[in-house]
Amino acid sequence: MVAILVSKGTSGGFTVKVNDERVETSHVVNVPQGFAATLGLGEVPDEELVRASFAFLLEREPPTSVLPRFSLDVISRYFPEYPREVGKYIGPDVKDGRSGNL
């Protein structure tokens, strides 16, 4: 079981810790302003977009291969399917704006 913990960082980005029972990794992630909308995801909160993006990445590579520091907009350079696939990793309550707590 993989645990993805996302927390707001001090510089406006997010700190992500991934624990897959064998290894724990730490990452610093930036989200460009309005990025969820450019992906067709409306106003999905940045924290949820980061969590969904890591779920997407971890199905394709081990946590140790994920860059330690990056912006979400670079993912599609490595995985061209990211813009059309990441929405599948966001829960329906979040997409519908009904989630009060992430």
C-alpha atoms as a PDB file:
ATOM      1  CA  MET A   1       0.000   0.000   0.000  1.00  0.00           C
ATOM      2  CA  VAL A   2       1.359   3.401  -0.975  1.00  0.00           C
ATOM      3  CA  ALA A   3       0.711   6.404   1.252  1.00  0.00           C
ATOM      4  CA  ILE A   4       0.818   9.870  -0.308  1.00  0.00           C
ATOM      5  CA  LEU A   5       0.888  12.733   2.186  1.00  0.00           C
ATOM      6  CA  VAL A   6       0.533  16.245   0.784  1.00  0.00           C
ATOM      7  CA  SER A   7       1.055  19.378   2.854  1.00  0.00           C
ATOM      8  CA  LYS A   8       1.230  23.050   1.986  1.00  0.00           C
ATOM      9  CA  GLY A   9       4.823  24.284   2.004  1.00  0.00           C
ATOM     10  CA  THR A  10       6.072  27.627   3.226  1.00  0.00           C
ATOM     11  CA  SER A  11       7.008  28.969  -0.214  1.00  0.00           C
ATOM     12  CA  GLY A  12       3.592  28.389  -1.798  1.00  0.00           C
ATOM     13  CA  GLY A  13       4.447  24.933  -3.068  1.00  0.00           C
ATOM     14  CA  PHE A  14       3.644  21.563  -1.573  1.00  0.00           C
ATOM     15  CA  THR A  15       5.680  18.972   0.271  1.00  0.00           C
ATOM     16  CA  VAL A  16       4.835  15.407  -0.665  1.00  0.00           C
ATOM     17  CA  LYS A  17       5.936  12.351   1.264  1.00  0.00           C
ATOM     18  CA  VAL A  18       5.496   8.963  -0.356  1.00  0.00           C
ATOM     19  CA  ASN A  19       5.783   5.778   1.678  1.00  0.00           C
ATOM     20  CA  ASP A  20       5.469   2.488  -0.170  1.00  0.00           C
ATOM     21  CA  GLU A  21       6.443   0.174   2.740  1.00  0.00           C
ATOM     22  CA  ARG A  22       9.976  -0.222   1.366  1.00  0.00           C
ATOM     23  CA  VAL A  23      11.080   3.370   1.066  1.00  0.00           C
ATOM     24  CA  GLU A  24       9.967   6.876   1.959  1.00  0.00           C
ATOM     25  CA  THR A  25      10.654   9.731  -0.432  1.00  0.00           C
ATOM     26  CA  SER A  26      10.119  13.456  -0.125  1.00  0.00           C
ATOM     27  CA  HIS A  27       9.310  15.891  -2.935  1.00  0.00           C
ATOM     28  CA  VAL A  28       8.675  19.611  -3.340  1.00  0.00           C
ATOM     29  CA  VAL A  29       6.017  20.394  -5.939  1.00  0.00           C
ATOM     30  CA  ASN A  30       4.799  23.652  -7.432  1.00  0.00           C
ATOM     31  CA  VAL A  31       1.396  24.089  -9.051  1.00  0.00           C
ATOM     32  CA  PRO A  32       1.108  26.828 -11.683  1.00  0.00           C
ATOM     33  CA  GLN A  33      -1.786  29.173 -11.037  1.00  0.00           C
ATOM     34  CA  GLY A  34      -4.948  27.941 -12.741  1.00  0.00           C
ATOM     35  CA  PHE A  35      -3.306  24.654 -13.730  1.00  0.00           C
ATOM     36  CA  ALA A  36      -6.346  22.513 -12.838  1.00  0.00           C
ATOM     37  CA  ALA A  37      -8.457  24.581 -15.232  1.00  0.00           C
ATOM     38  CA  THR A  38      -5.938  24.110 -18.052  1.00  0.00           C
ATOM     39  CA  LEU A  39      -6.355  20.343 -17.534  1.00  0.00           C
ATOM     40  CA  GLY A  40     -10.127  20.673 -17.795  1.00  0.00           C
ATOM     41  CA  LEU A  41     -10.566  19.982 -14.078  1.00  0.00           C
ATOM     42  CA  GLY A  42     -12.232  23.260 -13.131  1.00  0.00           C
ATOM     43  CA  GLU A  43     -11.447  24.386  -9.624  1.00  0.00           C
ATOM     44  CA  VAL A  44     -10.007  21.213  -8.140  1.00  0.00           C
ATOM     45  CA  PRO A  45      -7.956  22.272  -5.093  1.00  0.00           C
ATOM     46  CA  ASP A  46      -4.199  22.305  -5.688  1.00  0.00           C
ATOM     47  CA  GLU A  47      -3.593  19.823  -2.855  1.00  0.00           C
ATOM     48  CA  GLU A  48      -5.910  17.288  -4.492  1.00  0.00           C
ATOM     49  CA  LEU A  49      -4.322  17.861  -7.896  1.00  0.00           C
ATOM     50  CA  VAL A  50      -0.892  17.175  -6.376  1.00  0.00           C
ATOM     51  CA  ARG A  51      -2.168  13.984  -4.700  1.00  0.00           C
ATOM     52  CA  ALA A  52      -3.814  12.801  -7.933  1.00  0.00           C
ATOM     53  CA  SER A  53      -0.673  13.623  -9.916  1.00  0.00           C
ATOM     54  CA  PHE A  54       1.414  11.466  -7.578  1.00  0.00           C
ATOM     55  CA  ALA A  55      -1.072   8.604  -7.852  1.00  0.00           C
ATOM     56  CA  PHE A  56      -0.721   8.920 -11.637  1.00  0.00           C
ATOM     57  CA  LEU A  57       3.084   8.976 -11.442  1.00  0.00           C
ATOM     58  CA  LEU A  58       3.357   6.063  -9.018  1.00  0.00           C
ATOM     59  CA  GLU A  59       1.463   3.789 -11.401  1.00  0.00           C
ATOM     60  CA  ARG A  60       4.212   4.450 -13.934  1.00  0.00           C
ATOM     61  CA  GLU A  61       7.416   4.596 -11.891  1.00  0.00           C
ATOM     62  CA  PRO A  62       8.742   3.873  -8.399  1.00  0.00           C
ATOM     63  CA  PRO A  63       8.787   6.750  -5.888  1.00  0.00           C
ATOM     64  CA  THR A  64      12.579   6.908  -6.061  1.00  0.00           C
ATOM     65  CA  SER A  65      12.323   7.814  -9.765  1.00  0.00           C
ATOM     66  CA  VAL A  66      10.010  10.788  -9.188  1.00  0.00           C
ATOM     67  CA  LEU A  67      11.952  14.047  -9.327  1.00  0.00           C
ATOM     68  CA  PRO A  68      12.654  15.493  -5.865  1.00  0.00           C
ATOM     69  CA  ARG A  69      11.606  18.986  -6.990  1.00  0.00           C
ATOM     70  CA  PHE A  70       9.338  19.886  -9.917  1.00  0.00           C
ATOM     71  CA  SER A  71       6.299  21.747 -11.188  1.00  0.00           C
ATOM     72  CA  LEU A  72       3.207  19.774 -12.216  1.00  0.00           C
ATOM     73  CA  ASP A  73       3.320  21.255 -15.706  1.00  0.00           C
ATOM     74  CA  VAL A  74       6.485  19.259 -16.534  1.00  0.00           C
ATOM     75  CA  ILE A  75       4.851  15.861 -16.023  1.00  0.00           C
ATOM     76  CA  SER A  76       3.480  15.822 -19.559  1.00  0.00           C
ATOM     77  CA  ARG A  77       7.042  16.085 -20.931  1.00  0.00           C
ATOM     78  CA  TYR A  78       7.709  12.638 -19.487  1.00  0.00           C
ATOM     79  CA  PHE A  79       4.186  11.239 -19.739  1.00  0.00           C
ATOM     80  CA  PRO A  80       2.228  12.811 -22.628  1.00  0.00           C
ATOM     81  CA  GLU A  81      -0.984  11.132 -21.438  1.00  0.00           C
ATOM     82  CA  TYR A  82      -0.929  13.045 -18.118  1.00  0.00           C
ATOM     83  CA  PRO A  83      -3.317  15.886 -19.106  1.00  0.00           C
ATOM     84  CA  ARG A  84      -6.074  13.509 -20.215  1.00  0.00           C
ATOM     85  CA  GLU A  85      -5.501  10.828 -17.533  1.00  0.00           C
ATOM     86  CA  VAL A  86      -4.922  12.703 -14.257  1.00  0.00           C
ATOM     87  CA  GLY A  87      -8.631  13.440 -13.790  1.00  0.00           C
ATOM     88  CA  LYS A  88      -9.216   9.714 -13.288  1.00  0.00           C
ATOM     89  CA  TYR A  89      -7.283   9.942 -10.015  1.00  0.00           C
ATOM     90  CA  ILE A  90      -9.493  12.657  -8.527  1.00  0.00           C
ATOM     91  CA  GLY A  91     -12.453  11.446  -6.495  1.00  0.00           C
ATOM     92  CA  PRO A  92     -15.981  12.295  -7.645  1.00  0.00           C
ATOM     93  CA  ASP A  93     -16.711  14.314  -4.492  1.00  0.00           C
ATOM     94  CA  VAL A  94     -13.744  16.565  -5.215  1.00  0.00           C
ATOM     95  CA  LYS A  95     -14.694  17.002  -8.880  1.00  0.00           C
ATOM     96  CA  ASP A  96     -18.212  17.970  -7.862  1.00  0.00           C
ATOM     97  CA  GLY A  97     -16.958  20.451  -5.268  1.00  0.00           C
ATOM     98  CA  ARG A  98     -18.534  18.569  -2.365  1.00  0.00           C
ATOM     99  CA  SER A  99     -15.331  17.721  -0.522  1.00  0.00           C
ATOM    100  CA  GLY A 100     -14.812  19.880   2.530  1.00  0.00           C
ATOM    101  CA  ASN A 101     -11.649  18.261   3.787  1.00  0.00           C
ATOM    102  CA  LEU A 102      -8.805  16.888   1.754  1.00  0.00           C
END
